[in-house]
N, C-alpha and C. Protein backbone atom coordinates (compact mmCIF):
# COMPACT_ATOMS: atom_id res chain seq x y z
N MET A 1 3.85 88.10 120.36
CA MET A 1 3.79 89.32 121.13
C MET A 1 4.75 90.29 120.49
N ALA A 2 4.20 91.56 120.43
CA ALA A 2 5.15 92.67 119.86
C ALA A 2 6.30 92.90 120.68
N LYS A 3 7.48 93.31 120.06
CA LYS A 3 8.54 93.56 120.85
C LYS A 3 9.34 94.84 120.31
N LEU A 4 10.17 95.48 121.16
CA LEU A 4 10.94 96.59 120.92
C LEU A 4 12.45 96.24 121.06
N VAL A 5 13.29 96.45 120.08
CA VAL A 5 14.70 96.23 120.24
C VAL A 5 15.34 97.60 120.29
N VAL A 6 16.04 97.89 121.33
CA VAL A 6 16.72 99.15 121.51
C VAL A 6 18.16 99.03 121.01
N ILE A 7 18.62 100.04 120.09
CA ILE A 7 19.84 99.96 119.46
C ILE A 7 20.61 101.25 119.80
N LEU A 8 21.92 101.11 120.19
CA LEU A 8 22.72 102.33 120.33
C LEU A 8 24.10 102.14 119.61
N ASN A 9 24.41 102.95 118.79
CA ASN A 9 25.64 102.91 118.01
C ASN A 9 25.67 101.60 117.21
N GLY A 10 24.63 101.23 116.66
CA GLY A 10 24.52 100.03 115.79
C GLY A 10 24.51 98.68 116.60
N ALA A 11 24.63 98.76 117.92
CA ALA A 11 24.53 97.45 118.69
C ALA A 11 23.32 97.46 119.59
N MET A 12 22.74 96.19 119.70
CA MET A 12 21.56 96.10 120.48
C MET A 12 21.92 96.37 121.96
N ALA A 13 21.05 97.28 122.58
CA ALA A 13 21.22 97.64 123.97
C ALA A 13 20.14 97.18 124.85
N GLY A 14 19.03 96.52 124.24
CA GLY A 14 18.06 96.11 125.02
C GLY A 14 16.97 95.44 124.25
N ASN A 15 16.01 94.59 124.82
CA ASN A 15 14.97 93.86 124.09
C ASN A 15 13.80 93.91 125.08
N HIS A 16 12.74 94.54 124.67
CA HIS A 16 11.54 94.57 125.46
C HIS A 16 10.27 94.13 124.82
N PHE A 17 9.51 93.25 125.48
CA PHE A 17 8.16 92.83 124.91
C PHE A 17 7.20 93.87 125.42
N ILE A 18 6.13 94.07 124.56
CA ILE A 18 5.12 94.92 124.96
C ILE A 18 4.02 94.12 125.55
N ASP A 19 4.06 93.98 126.91
CA ASP A 19 3.19 93.12 127.58
C ASP A 19 2.28 93.88 128.44
N LYS A 20 2.06 95.18 128.17
CA LYS A 20 1.07 95.82 129.02
C LYS A 20 0.52 97.04 128.24
N ALA A 21 -0.51 97.64 128.74
CA ALA A 21 -1.29 98.61 127.99
C ALA A 21 -0.53 99.92 127.63
N ARG A 22 0.47 100.25 128.49
CA ARG A 22 1.10 101.56 128.37
C ARG A 22 2.66 101.34 128.65
N ILE A 23 3.51 101.62 127.63
CA ILE A 23 4.99 101.46 127.78
C ILE A 23 5.55 103.03 127.78
N THR A 24 6.26 103.30 128.80
CA THR A 24 6.80 104.62 128.85
C THR A 24 8.27 104.70 128.47
N ILE A 25 8.72 105.73 127.72
CA ILE A 25 10.07 105.71 127.23
C ILE A 25 10.66 107.12 127.63
N GLY A 26 11.94 107.12 128.21
CA GLY A 26 12.51 108.37 128.51
C GLY A 26 13.84 108.30 129.23
N ARG A 27 14.42 109.37 129.59
CA ARG A 27 15.69 109.45 130.32
C ARG A 27 15.57 109.04 131.80
N TRP A 28 14.45 109.36 132.37
CA TRP A 28 14.18 109.04 133.75
C TRP A 28 14.20 107.48 134.02
N SER A 29 14.87 107.01 134.99
CA SER A 29 15.14 105.71 135.28
C SER A 29 13.88 104.87 135.54
N GLY A 30 12.84 105.65 136.01
CA GLY A 30 11.56 104.91 136.20
C GLY A 30 10.81 104.61 135.05
N ASN A 31 11.19 104.93 133.88
CA ASN A 31 10.48 104.65 132.62
C ASN A 31 10.70 103.14 132.34
N ASP A 32 9.61 102.56 131.61
CA ASP A 32 9.68 101.16 131.25
C ASP A 32 10.87 100.96 130.34
N ILE A 33 11.19 101.84 129.45
CA ILE A 33 12.39 101.81 128.65
C ILE A 33 13.32 103.05 128.94
N HIS A 34 14.34 102.85 129.60
CA HIS A 34 15.19 103.91 130.14
C HIS A 34 16.39 104.15 129.07
N LEU A 35 16.38 105.39 128.47
CA LEU A 35 17.38 105.75 127.47
C LEU A 35 18.27 106.82 128.07
N ASP A 36 19.48 106.45 128.52
CA ASP A 36 20.37 107.41 129.17
C ASP A 36 21.17 108.22 128.05
N ASP A 37 20.52 109.24 127.70
CA ASP A 37 21.02 110.15 126.65
C ASP A 37 20.49 111.63 126.86
N PRO A 38 21.27 112.67 126.84
CA PRO A 38 20.78 113.95 127.10
C PRO A 38 19.86 114.43 126.06
N GLY A 39 19.88 113.83 124.83
CA GLY A 39 18.96 114.30 123.82
C GLY A 39 17.52 113.71 123.97
N VAL A 40 17.38 112.81 125.06
CA VAL A 40 16.12 112.21 125.32
C VAL A 40 15.46 112.90 126.57
N SER A 41 14.18 113.34 126.53
CA SER A 41 13.52 113.97 127.58
C SER A 41 13.27 112.93 128.77
N LYS A 42 13.08 113.35 129.94
CA LYS A 42 12.86 112.58 131.06
C LYS A 42 11.57 111.70 130.81
N GLU A 43 10.59 112.25 130.32
CA GLU A 43 9.37 111.52 129.93
C GLU A 43 9.15 111.87 128.46
N HIS A 44 9.78 111.05 127.57
CA HIS A 44 9.82 111.40 126.17
C HIS A 44 8.65 110.93 125.34
N ALA A 45 8.24 109.82 125.56
CA ALA A 45 7.22 109.22 124.67
C ALA A 45 6.44 108.03 125.36
N VAL A 46 5.38 107.63 124.86
CA VAL A 46 4.63 106.44 125.34
C VAL A 46 4.09 105.63 124.20
N ILE A 47 4.03 104.35 124.42
CA ILE A 47 3.33 103.44 123.47
C ILE A 47 2.13 102.85 124.07
N HIS A 48 0.98 103.16 123.38
CA HIS A 48 -0.36 102.66 123.81
C HIS A 48 -0.63 101.38 123.10
N THR A 49 -1.15 100.31 123.83
CA THR A 49 -1.74 99.14 123.12
C THR A 49 -3.13 99.22 122.78
N VAL A 50 -3.50 99.05 121.49
CA VAL A 50 -4.91 99.20 121.05
C VAL A 50 -5.09 97.92 120.28
N GLY A 51 -5.77 96.90 120.96
CA GLY A 51 -5.95 95.60 120.29
C GLY A 51 -4.72 94.90 120.01
N ASN A 52 -4.46 94.56 118.71
CA ASN A 52 -3.23 93.91 118.30
C ASN A 52 -2.26 95.01 117.71
N ASP A 53 -2.76 96.31 117.88
CA ASP A 53 -1.94 97.44 117.33
C ASP A 53 -1.23 98.24 118.51
N HIS A 54 -0.30 99.02 118.08
CA HIS A 54 0.31 100.01 119.12
C HIS A 54 0.50 101.34 118.50
N ILE A 55 0.17 102.40 119.33
CA ILE A 55 0.26 103.73 118.90
C ILE A 55 1.36 104.50 119.66
N PHE A 56 2.34 104.92 118.94
CA PHE A 56 3.52 105.72 119.58
C PHE A 56 3.03 107.12 119.73
N GLU A 57 3.32 107.80 120.88
CA GLU A 57 2.89 109.22 121.03
C GLU A 57 4.08 109.94 121.64
N ASP A 58 4.61 111.03 121.06
CA ASP A 58 5.63 111.92 121.67
C ASP A 58 4.88 112.67 122.74
N LEU A 59 5.46 112.76 123.89
CA LEU A 59 4.87 113.46 124.96
C LEU A 59 5.32 115.03 125.11
N GLY A 60 5.55 115.67 123.93
CA GLY A 60 5.93 116.99 123.91
C GLY A 60 7.39 117.14 124.31
N SER A 61 8.22 116.21 123.83
CA SER A 61 9.60 116.22 124.15
C SER A 61 10.39 117.35 123.58
N THR A 62 11.52 117.60 124.22
CA THR A 62 12.29 118.73 123.75
C THR A 62 12.84 118.63 122.30
N ASN A 63 13.37 117.49 122.00
CA ASN A 63 14.04 117.26 120.74
C ASN A 63 13.11 116.48 119.80
N GLY A 64 11.95 116.09 120.09
CA GLY A 64 11.02 115.39 119.24
C GLY A 64 11.32 113.95 118.99
N SER A 65 10.67 113.34 118.12
CA SER A 65 10.77 111.90 117.81
C SER A 65 10.59 111.72 116.28
N THR A 66 11.33 110.78 115.68
CA THR A 66 11.25 110.51 114.33
C THR A 66 10.93 108.96 114.23
N ILE A 67 10.25 108.57 113.17
CA ILE A 67 9.96 107.29 112.83
C ILE A 67 10.29 106.97 111.34
N SER A 68 11.21 106.18 111.11
CA SER A 68 11.67 105.87 109.78
C SER A 68 11.97 107.17 108.93
N GLY A 69 12.63 108.22 109.65
CA GLY A 69 13.04 109.38 109.10
C GLY A 69 12.09 110.54 109.06
N SER A 70 10.88 110.28 109.44
CA SER A 70 9.84 111.41 109.55
C SER A 70 9.53 111.79 110.94
N ARG A 71 9.52 113.09 111.18
CA ARG A 71 9.18 113.56 112.61
C ARG A 71 7.72 113.36 112.77
N ILE A 72 7.37 112.94 113.95
CA ILE A 72 5.91 112.64 114.24
C ILE A 72 5.48 113.04 115.58
N THR A 73 4.31 113.09 115.89
CA THR A 73 3.72 113.35 117.15
C THR A 73 2.93 112.07 117.59
N LYS A 74 2.19 111.56 116.67
CA LYS A 74 1.49 110.24 117.03
C LYS A 74 1.38 109.42 115.81
N HIS A 75 1.56 108.11 115.92
CA HIS A 75 1.73 107.30 114.78
C HIS A 75 1.41 105.81 115.19
N ILE A 76 0.51 105.20 114.29
CA ILE A 76 0.16 103.78 114.43
C ILE A 76 1.40 102.95 113.92
N LEU A 77 2.04 102.26 114.77
CA LEU A 77 3.20 101.50 114.42
C LEU A 77 3.04 100.42 113.42
N GLN A 78 4.04 100.35 112.54
CA GLN A 78 4.02 99.18 111.55
C GLN A 78 5.15 98.24 111.86
N ASN A 79 4.96 97.10 111.53
CA ASN A 79 6.11 96.07 111.74
C ASN A 79 7.37 96.60 110.97
N GLY A 80 8.42 96.66 111.66
CA GLY A 80 9.71 97.09 111.15
C GLY A 80 9.96 98.56 111.28
N ASP A 81 9.04 99.45 111.81
CA ASP A 81 9.36 100.81 112.05
C ASP A 81 10.50 100.97 112.91
N VAL A 82 11.29 102.03 112.68
CA VAL A 82 12.42 102.45 113.60
C VAL A 82 12.16 103.77 114.26
N ILE A 83 12.00 103.80 115.43
CA ILE A 83 11.80 105.02 116.27
C ILE A 83 13.19 105.53 116.67
N GLU A 84 13.40 106.89 116.39
CA GLU A 84 14.70 107.49 116.64
C GLU A 84 14.50 108.53 117.78
N LEU A 85 15.11 108.26 118.91
CA LEU A 85 14.99 109.34 120.08
C LEU A 85 16.53 109.56 120.51
N GLY A 86 16.98 110.76 120.33
CA GLY A 86 18.40 111.14 120.70
C GLY A 86 19.26 110.17 119.88
N ALA A 87 20.24 109.59 120.60
CA ALA A 87 21.24 108.67 119.93
C ALA A 87 20.69 107.31 119.76
N TYR A 88 19.47 107.13 120.39
CA TYR A 88 18.96 105.73 120.31
C TYR A 88 17.99 105.37 119.12
N GLN A 89 17.97 104.09 118.77
CA GLN A 89 17.02 103.70 117.80
C GLN A 89 16.23 102.48 118.59
N ILE A 90 14.90 102.43 118.21
CA ILE A 90 14.09 101.46 118.81
C ILE A 90 13.37 100.86 117.68
N LYS A 91 13.63 99.57 117.30
CA LYS A 91 12.96 98.85 116.22
C LYS A 91 11.67 98.11 116.79
N TYR A 92 10.51 98.40 116.13
CA TYR A 92 9.29 97.69 116.46
C TYR A 92 9.04 96.54 115.70
N GLY A 93 8.60 95.38 116.27
CA GLY A 93 8.35 94.19 115.48
C GLY A 93 7.03 93.63 116.00
N ASN A 94 5.99 93.35 115.04
CA ASN A 94 4.79 92.83 115.46
C ASN A 94 4.06 92.13 114.28
N ILE A 95 4.37 90.94 114.08
CA ILE A 95 3.95 90.16 112.86
C ILE A 95 2.34 89.85 113.01
N LYS A 96 1.76 90.08 114.20
CA LYS A 96 0.29 89.84 114.38
C LYS A 96 -0.55 90.97 114.19
N ALA A 97 0.04 92.11 113.69
CA ALA A 97 -0.77 93.34 113.61
C ALA A 97 -1.92 93.04 112.71
N ASN A 98 -3.08 93.72 112.98
CA ASN A 98 -4.32 93.44 112.24
C ASN A 98 -4.21 93.97 110.79
N PRO A 99 -4.36 93.10 109.78
CA PRO A 99 -4.22 93.48 108.37
C PRO A 99 -5.24 94.53 107.93
N GLU A 100 -6.33 94.58 108.60
CA GLU A 100 -7.36 95.64 108.32
C GLU A 100 -6.87 97.03 108.45
N MET A 101 -5.82 97.17 109.26
CA MET A 101 -5.26 98.44 109.50
C MET A 101 -4.23 98.92 108.58
N ASP A 102 -3.88 97.99 107.63
CA ASP A 102 -2.83 98.36 106.67
C ASP A 102 -3.00 99.71 105.94
N TYR A 103 -4.22 99.93 105.56
CA TYR A 103 -4.45 101.26 104.83
C TYR A 103 -4.19 102.51 105.66
N ASP A 104 -4.42 102.49 106.88
CA ASP A 104 -4.10 103.74 107.56
C ASP A 104 -2.78 103.59 108.36
N ARG A 105 -2.09 102.48 108.34
CA ARG A 105 -0.72 102.30 108.96
C ARG A 105 0.10 103.07 107.92
N THR A 106 -0.22 103.24 106.63
CA THR A 106 0.67 103.87 105.74
C THR A 106 0.83 105.39 105.85
N MET A 107 0.04 105.97 106.71
CA MET A 107 0.08 107.45 106.87
C MET A 107 0.65 107.74 108.29
N MET A 108 1.33 108.85 108.29
CA MET A 108 1.80 109.40 109.67
C MET A 108 0.64 110.28 110.29
N ILE A 109 0.18 109.97 111.46
CA ILE A 109 -0.77 110.81 112.18
C ILE A 109 -0.02 111.89 112.90
N HIS A 110 0.43 112.91 112.12
CA HIS A 110 1.27 113.97 112.71
C HIS A 110 0.57 114.61 113.94
N THR A 111 -0.71 114.85 113.86
CA THR A 111 -1.36 115.42 115.05
C THR A 111 -2.83 114.94 115.13
N VAL A 112 -2.97 113.88 115.82
CA VAL A 112 -4.34 113.58 116.28
C VAL A 112 -4.49 114.55 117.44
N ASP A 113 -3.69 115.51 117.55
CA ASP A 113 -3.54 116.75 118.16
C ASP A 113 -4.03 116.69 119.72
N ARG A 114 -3.80 115.49 120.27
CA ARG A 114 -4.32 115.40 121.73
C ARG A 114 -5.71 115.99 121.83
N GLU A 115 -6.53 115.36 120.93
CA GLU A 115 -7.94 115.91 120.96
C GLU A 115 -8.61 115.61 122.35
N VAL A 116 -7.99 114.72 123.16
CA VAL A 116 -8.41 114.61 124.38
C VAL A 116 -8.18 115.85 125.18
N GLY A 117 -9.25 116.52 125.78
CA GLY A 117 -9.00 117.69 126.41
C GLY A 117 -8.94 118.99 125.49
N ALA A 118 -9.18 118.69 124.23
CA ALA A 118 -8.91 119.87 123.23
C ALA A 118 -10.23 120.78 123.41
N VAL A 119 -10.07 122.08 123.01
CA VAL A 119 -11.11 123.06 123.13
C VAL A 119 -12.24 122.59 122.15
N PRO A 120 -13.43 122.54 122.58
CA PRO A 120 -14.46 122.00 121.83
C PRO A 120 -14.68 122.66 120.46
N GLN A 121 -14.37 124.05 120.41
CA GLN A 121 -14.61 124.75 119.09
C GLN A 121 -13.59 124.23 118.06
N SER A 122 -12.61 123.53 118.43
CA SER A 122 -11.59 122.95 117.44
C SER A 122 -12.05 121.64 116.95
N ALA A 123 -13.20 121.14 117.42
CA ALA A 123 -13.46 119.67 117.28
C ALA A 123 -13.54 119.27 115.74
N GLY A 124 -13.97 120.09 114.94
CA GLY A 124 -14.01 119.82 113.49
C GLY A 124 -12.97 120.21 112.68
N ARG A 125 -11.87 120.81 113.24
CA ARG A 125 -10.80 121.38 112.50
C ARG A 125 -9.79 120.38 112.13
N GLU A 126 -9.30 120.44 110.99
CA GLU A 126 -8.20 119.49 110.46
C GLU A 126 -6.87 120.22 110.82
N VAL A 127 -5.97 119.35 111.55
CA VAL A 127 -4.77 119.93 111.98
C VAL A 127 -3.54 119.09 111.46
N GLY A 128 -2.60 119.66 110.76
CA GLY A 128 -1.45 118.88 110.53
C GLY A 128 -1.77 117.71 109.51
N SER A 129 -2.72 117.90 108.68
CA SER A 129 -3.08 116.81 107.73
C SER A 129 -1.98 116.45 106.72
N HIS A 130 -1.82 115.23 106.45
CA HIS A 130 -0.81 114.71 105.48
C HIS A 130 -1.47 114.47 104.19
N PRO A 131 -0.97 114.66 102.98
CA PRO A 131 -1.58 114.36 101.80
C PRO A 131 -2.30 113.00 101.66
N SER A 132 -1.66 111.93 102.25
CA SER A 132 -2.25 110.69 102.14
C SER A 132 -3.60 110.51 102.89
N VAL A 133 -3.79 111.42 103.99
CA VAL A 133 -4.99 111.33 104.67
C VAL A 133 -6.12 111.61 103.81
N SER A 134 -6.10 112.63 102.86
CA SER A 134 -7.09 113.00 101.98
C SER A 134 -7.39 111.83 101.05
N THR A 135 -6.43 111.26 100.55
CA THR A 135 -6.59 110.04 99.69
C THR A 135 -7.36 108.96 100.42
N ALA A 136 -6.98 108.69 101.67
CA ALA A 136 -7.64 107.58 102.37
C ALA A 136 -9.07 108.09 102.60
N ARG A 137 -9.43 109.35 102.92
CA ARG A 137 -10.75 109.82 103.15
C ARG A 137 -11.67 109.46 101.92
N SER A 138 -11.09 109.88 100.79
CA SER A 138 -11.91 109.73 99.56
C SER A 138 -12.32 108.24 99.28
N SER A 139 -11.34 107.29 99.50
CA SER A 139 -11.73 105.91 99.29
C SER A 139 -12.64 105.34 100.27
N LEU A 140 -12.43 105.82 101.53
CA LEU A 140 -13.31 105.36 102.62
C LEU A 140 -14.80 105.94 102.40
N ARG A 141 -14.90 107.20 102.08
CA ARG A 141 -16.14 107.77 101.89
C ARG A 141 -16.98 107.06 100.89
N ALA A 142 -16.36 106.59 99.81
CA ALA A 142 -17.10 105.85 98.83
C ALA A 142 -17.61 104.49 99.24
N GLY A 143 -16.88 103.91 100.24
CA GLY A 143 -17.20 102.50 100.72
C GLY A 143 -18.39 102.42 101.70
N PHE A 144 -18.56 103.31 102.51
CA PHE A 144 -19.62 103.22 103.61
C PHE A 144 -19.94 104.64 104.14
N PRO A 145 -21.12 104.72 104.81
CA PRO A 145 -21.49 106.02 105.36
C PRO A 145 -20.55 106.65 106.24
N LEU A 146 -20.48 107.97 106.24
CA LEU A 146 -19.63 108.80 107.14
C LEU A 146 -20.29 108.85 108.45
N GLY A 147 -19.44 108.68 109.50
CA GLY A 147 -20.10 108.64 110.92
C GLY A 147 -19.82 110.00 111.57
N GLU A 148 -20.47 110.20 112.60
CA GLU A 148 -20.29 111.51 113.39
C GLU A 148 -20.68 111.21 114.84
N VAL A 149 -20.10 111.89 115.76
CA VAL A 149 -20.59 111.85 117.12
C VAL A 149 -21.31 113.17 117.56
N ARG A 150 -22.21 113.11 118.34
CA ARG A 150 -22.91 114.27 118.84
C ARG A 150 -22.82 114.31 120.40
N GLY A 151 -22.25 115.37 120.87
CA GLY A 151 -22.09 115.46 122.32
C GLY A 151 -23.29 115.63 123.08
N ILE A 152 -23.42 114.77 124.15
CA ILE A 152 -24.62 114.77 125.04
C ILE A 152 -24.22 115.46 126.37
N LYS A 153 -23.04 115.15 126.71
CA LYS A 153 -22.53 115.63 128.10
C LYS A 153 -21.01 115.84 128.06
N GLY A 154 -20.48 116.89 128.74
CA GLY A 154 -19.13 117.10 128.72
C GLY A 154 -18.74 118.30 127.79
N GLU A 155 -17.45 118.46 127.40
CA GLU A 155 -17.10 119.58 126.58
C GLU A 155 -17.62 119.56 125.20
N TYR A 156 -18.00 118.41 124.69
CA TYR A 156 -18.56 118.32 123.28
C TYR A 156 -20.16 118.55 123.36
N ALA A 157 -20.68 118.82 124.52
CA ALA A 157 -22.08 118.84 124.53
C ALA A 157 -22.73 119.81 123.54
N GLY A 158 -23.66 119.39 122.72
CA GLY A 158 -24.27 120.26 121.80
C GLY A 158 -23.56 120.35 120.46
N LEU A 159 -22.30 119.66 120.41
CA LEU A 159 -21.56 119.83 119.17
C LEU A 159 -21.65 118.51 118.34
N LYS A 160 -21.44 118.65 117.08
CA LYS A 160 -21.33 117.40 116.19
C LYS A 160 -19.92 117.40 115.66
N VAL A 161 -19.30 116.13 115.71
CA VAL A 161 -17.94 115.99 115.10
C VAL A 161 -18.01 114.91 114.12
N GLU A 162 -17.66 115.31 112.82
CA GLU A 162 -17.68 114.25 111.78
C GLU A 162 -16.32 113.46 111.95
N LEU A 163 -16.50 112.13 111.70
CA LEU A 163 -15.42 111.22 111.86
C LEU A 163 -14.83 110.93 110.54
N GLU A 164 -14.20 111.95 109.94
CA GLU A 164 -13.56 111.72 108.55
C GLU A 164 -12.09 111.11 108.78
N ARG A 165 -11.51 111.39 109.90
CA ARG A 165 -10.16 110.90 110.03
C ARG A 165 -10.15 109.39 110.35
N PRO A 166 -9.09 108.68 109.93
CA PRO A 166 -9.13 107.24 110.21
C PRO A 166 -8.95 106.97 111.78
N LEU A 167 -8.58 107.97 112.57
CA LEU A 167 -8.36 107.74 113.95
C LEU A 167 -8.66 108.98 114.74
N LYS A 168 -9.48 108.91 115.68
CA LYS A 168 -9.87 110.08 116.64
C LYS A 168 -10.01 109.58 118.07
N THR A 169 -9.40 110.37 118.98
CA THR A 169 -9.45 110.01 120.36
C THR A 169 -10.40 110.88 121.07
N PHE A 170 -11.05 110.23 122.10
CA PHE A 170 -11.93 110.97 122.93
C PHE A 170 -11.65 110.56 124.45
N GLY A 171 -12.07 111.38 125.40
CA GLY A 171 -11.95 111.02 126.80
C GLY A 171 -11.21 112.04 127.54
N THR A 172 -10.68 111.58 128.66
CA THR A 172 -9.99 112.57 129.69
C THR A 172 -8.54 112.00 129.80
N ALA A 173 -7.48 112.69 129.45
CA ALA A 173 -6.15 112.20 129.53
C ALA A 173 -5.71 111.92 130.96
N GLY A 174 -5.07 110.80 131.18
CA GLY A 174 -4.69 110.26 132.50
C GLY A 174 -5.85 109.66 133.28
N GLU A 175 -7.10 109.69 132.76
CA GLU A 175 -8.22 109.03 133.37
C GLU A 175 -8.73 107.94 132.56
N GLN A 176 -9.30 108.20 131.39
CA GLN A 176 -9.89 107.20 130.53
C GLN A 176 -9.98 107.80 129.12
N VAL A 177 -9.30 107.12 128.24
CA VAL A 177 -9.25 107.46 126.75
C VAL A 177 -9.60 106.35 125.87
N ALA A 178 -10.26 106.59 124.85
CA ALA A 178 -10.67 105.61 123.80
C ALA A 178 -10.48 106.19 122.48
N VAL A 179 -10.20 105.33 121.50
CA VAL A 179 -9.99 105.84 120.12
C VAL A 179 -11.09 105.18 119.22
N ILE A 180 -11.72 106.03 118.31
CA ILE A 180 -12.62 105.55 117.34
C ILE A 180 -11.92 105.49 116.00
N MET A 181 -11.84 104.24 115.52
CA MET A 181 -11.04 104.02 114.21
C MET A 181 -12.06 103.70 113.05
N ARG A 182 -11.74 104.22 111.86
CA ARG A 182 -12.56 103.93 110.73
C ARG A 182 -11.83 102.91 109.82
N ARG A 183 -12.42 101.80 109.72
CA ARG A 183 -11.73 100.72 108.85
C ARG A 183 -12.83 100.43 107.73
N PRO A 184 -12.50 99.73 106.75
CA PRO A 184 -13.31 99.43 105.57
C PRO A 184 -14.63 98.86 106.00
N PRO A 185 -14.73 97.94 107.07
CA PRO A 185 -16.04 97.42 107.42
C PRO A 185 -16.91 98.41 108.24
N GLY A 186 -16.32 99.42 108.71
CA GLY A 186 -17.19 100.34 109.63
C GLY A 186 -16.39 101.00 110.56
N TYR A 187 -17.05 101.34 111.70
CA TYR A 187 -16.37 102.18 112.85
C TYR A 187 -16.21 101.32 114.08
N PHE A 188 -15.08 101.42 114.74
CA PHE A 188 -14.77 100.62 115.93
C PHE A 188 -14.28 101.59 116.96
N ILE A 189 -14.53 101.37 118.30
CA ILE A 189 -14.02 101.97 119.43
C ILE A 189 -13.20 101.06 120.14
N THR A 190 -11.97 101.47 120.60
CA THR A 190 -10.99 100.69 121.34
C THR A 190 -10.43 101.43 122.48
N HIS A 191 -10.23 100.66 123.61
CA HIS A 191 -9.65 101.29 124.84
C HIS A 191 -8.13 101.65 124.61
N VAL A 192 -7.84 102.71 125.12
CA VAL A 192 -6.38 103.27 124.96
C VAL A 192 -5.79 103.45 126.39
N GLU A 193 -6.44 104.07 127.31
CA GLU A 193 -5.92 104.45 128.58
C GLU A 193 -6.91 104.45 129.68
N GLY A 194 -6.52 104.05 130.89
CA GLY A 194 -7.40 104.12 131.98
C GLY A 194 -7.64 102.71 132.59
N ASN A 195 -7.88 102.57 133.94
CA ASN A 195 -8.18 101.35 134.50
C ASN A 195 -9.39 100.69 134.05
N LYS A 196 -10.39 101.63 133.81
CA LYS A 196 -11.61 101.02 133.26
C LYS A 196 -11.87 101.37 131.76
N THR A 197 -12.47 100.55 130.93
CA THR A 197 -12.73 100.89 129.57
C THR A 197 -13.94 101.73 129.41
N ALA A 198 -14.10 102.33 128.24
CA ALA A 198 -15.23 103.10 127.89
C ALA A 198 -16.48 102.22 127.87
N ARG A 199 -17.68 102.77 127.85
CA ARG A 199 -18.99 102.02 127.88
C ARG A 199 -19.68 102.40 126.72
N VAL A 200 -20.30 101.40 125.98
CA VAL A 200 -21.22 101.63 124.90
C VAL A 200 -22.64 101.02 125.18
N ASN A 201 -23.54 102.00 125.28
CA ASN A 201 -24.98 101.58 125.70
C ASN A 201 -24.97 100.96 127.05
N GLY A 202 -24.06 101.45 127.94
CA GLY A 202 -24.05 101.13 129.34
C GLY A 202 -23.18 99.86 129.60
N GLN A 203 -22.60 99.27 128.54
CA GLN A 203 -21.74 98.07 128.77
C GLN A 203 -20.34 98.36 128.42
N ALA A 204 -19.35 97.94 129.30
CA ALA A 204 -17.91 98.13 129.21
C ALA A 204 -17.50 97.44 127.84
N ILE A 205 -16.59 98.11 127.01
CA ILE A 205 -16.33 97.55 125.74
C ILE A 205 -15.25 96.54 125.82
N GLY A 206 -14.57 96.41 126.96
CA GLY A 206 -13.37 95.44 127.03
C GLY A 206 -12.10 95.90 126.26
N SER A 207 -11.26 94.96 126.10
CA SER A 207 -9.94 95.34 125.52
C SER A 207 -9.80 95.15 124.07
N GLU A 208 -10.78 94.50 123.45
CA GLU A 208 -10.72 94.37 122.02
C GLU A 208 -11.57 95.41 121.33
N PRO A 209 -11.39 95.67 120.00
CA PRO A 209 -12.15 96.67 119.25
C PRO A 209 -13.63 96.30 119.25
N HIS A 210 -14.48 97.33 119.53
CA HIS A 210 -15.97 97.13 119.62
C HIS A 210 -16.59 97.74 118.40
N THR A 211 -17.40 97.09 117.65
CA THR A 211 -18.10 97.67 116.51
C THR A 211 -19.09 98.61 117.03
N LEU A 212 -19.18 99.85 116.33
CA LEU A 212 -20.21 100.86 116.65
C LEU A 212 -21.39 100.69 115.73
N GLN A 213 -22.53 100.85 116.27
CA GLN A 213 -23.73 100.83 115.44
C GLN A 213 -24.48 102.14 115.56
N ASP A 214 -25.22 102.48 114.53
CA ASP A 214 -25.98 103.77 114.41
C ASP A 214 -26.80 103.79 115.66
N GLY A 215 -26.73 104.98 116.38
CA GLY A 215 -27.52 105.26 117.53
C GLY A 215 -26.88 104.86 118.85
N ASP A 216 -25.57 104.29 118.78
CA ASP A 216 -25.04 103.91 120.08
C ASP A 216 -24.63 105.13 120.95
N VAL A 217 -24.64 104.94 122.17
CA VAL A 217 -24.35 105.97 123.19
C VAL A 217 -22.93 105.59 123.72
N ILE A 218 -22.00 106.38 123.72
CA ILE A 218 -20.58 106.17 124.21
C ILE A 218 -20.36 107.04 125.45
N GLU A 219 -19.86 106.42 126.53
CA GLU A 219 -19.37 107.15 127.66
C GLU A 219 -17.86 106.87 127.88
N VAL A 220 -17.03 107.93 127.78
CA VAL A 220 -15.70 107.79 127.92
C VAL A 220 -15.10 109.13 128.67
N GLY A 221 -14.33 108.91 129.66
CA GLY A 221 -13.95 109.95 130.59
C GLY A 221 -15.08 110.84 131.11
N GLN A 222 -15.07 112.05 130.86
CA GLN A 222 -16.09 112.95 131.31
C GLN A 222 -17.14 113.19 130.10
N GLU A 223 -16.92 112.54 129.10
CA GLU A 223 -17.84 112.71 127.81
C GLU A 223 -18.92 111.64 127.70
N LYS A 224 -20.05 112.19 127.27
CA LYS A 224 -21.18 111.15 126.71
C LYS A 224 -21.43 111.57 125.32
N LEU A 225 -21.44 110.74 124.45
CA LEU A 225 -21.47 110.96 123.01
C LEU A 225 -22.52 110.02 122.33
N GLY A 226 -23.18 110.43 121.37
CA GLY A 226 -24.05 109.67 120.53
C GLY A 226 -23.30 109.49 119.21
N PHE A 227 -23.34 108.21 118.72
CA PHE A 227 -22.66 107.86 117.37
C PHE A 227 -23.80 107.62 116.37
N PHE A 228 -23.54 108.21 115.26
CA PHE A 228 -24.55 108.11 114.07
C PHE A 228 -23.80 108.00 112.79
N LEU A 229 -24.49 107.25 111.81
CA LEU A 229 -24.08 107.12 110.53
C LEU A 229 -24.93 108.02 109.71
N LYS A 230 -24.26 108.77 108.90
CA LYS A 230 -24.93 109.82 108.11
C LYS A 230 -25.53 109.28 106.79
């Protein structure tokens, strides 16, 4: 099981196992990880469980978050990553992380831009790209067909969104969110947030990554999307 070691002034201040789908971090005492420091926002960040992996997301905090020295908004955690929030450090350990994700764990996802609830016109826009993202795209494009989703219902209705990024989220924040990930074998959709998981062709996807096939119909949040390989 993955764990988080909280460090303050070089000394261990806490040890937490990631044993649920959503771990909240902040100055408010009701958070799963309470950090009593004025440099930490009341609701500073959250860690989402996605299969064997975990995604760290800054919740628009005042002072921001850094991981291993780089300021980030959203990041797929790697074993040994050190999260810095105010005066605290949180070390992430997960020796069971899926090795298929190694290629995209090497990049910082500076802005998967809270695409959940994003304005539809921005669906195809690249925001905050990191140089390594382009490198990953080139190698991935050569390996298998590029995918896209076509909006059937909801804010993406009538739009086409190319899935060039290794990770893209869909759904309704606070209600139901899923992430579509691009790996060397193909495309997968995984549950991120919500009491119920997304549905593919009318069937709930469950908690593990679900392989997407050409022509699949995805229902997540208020969205209904068709998935296609180009």
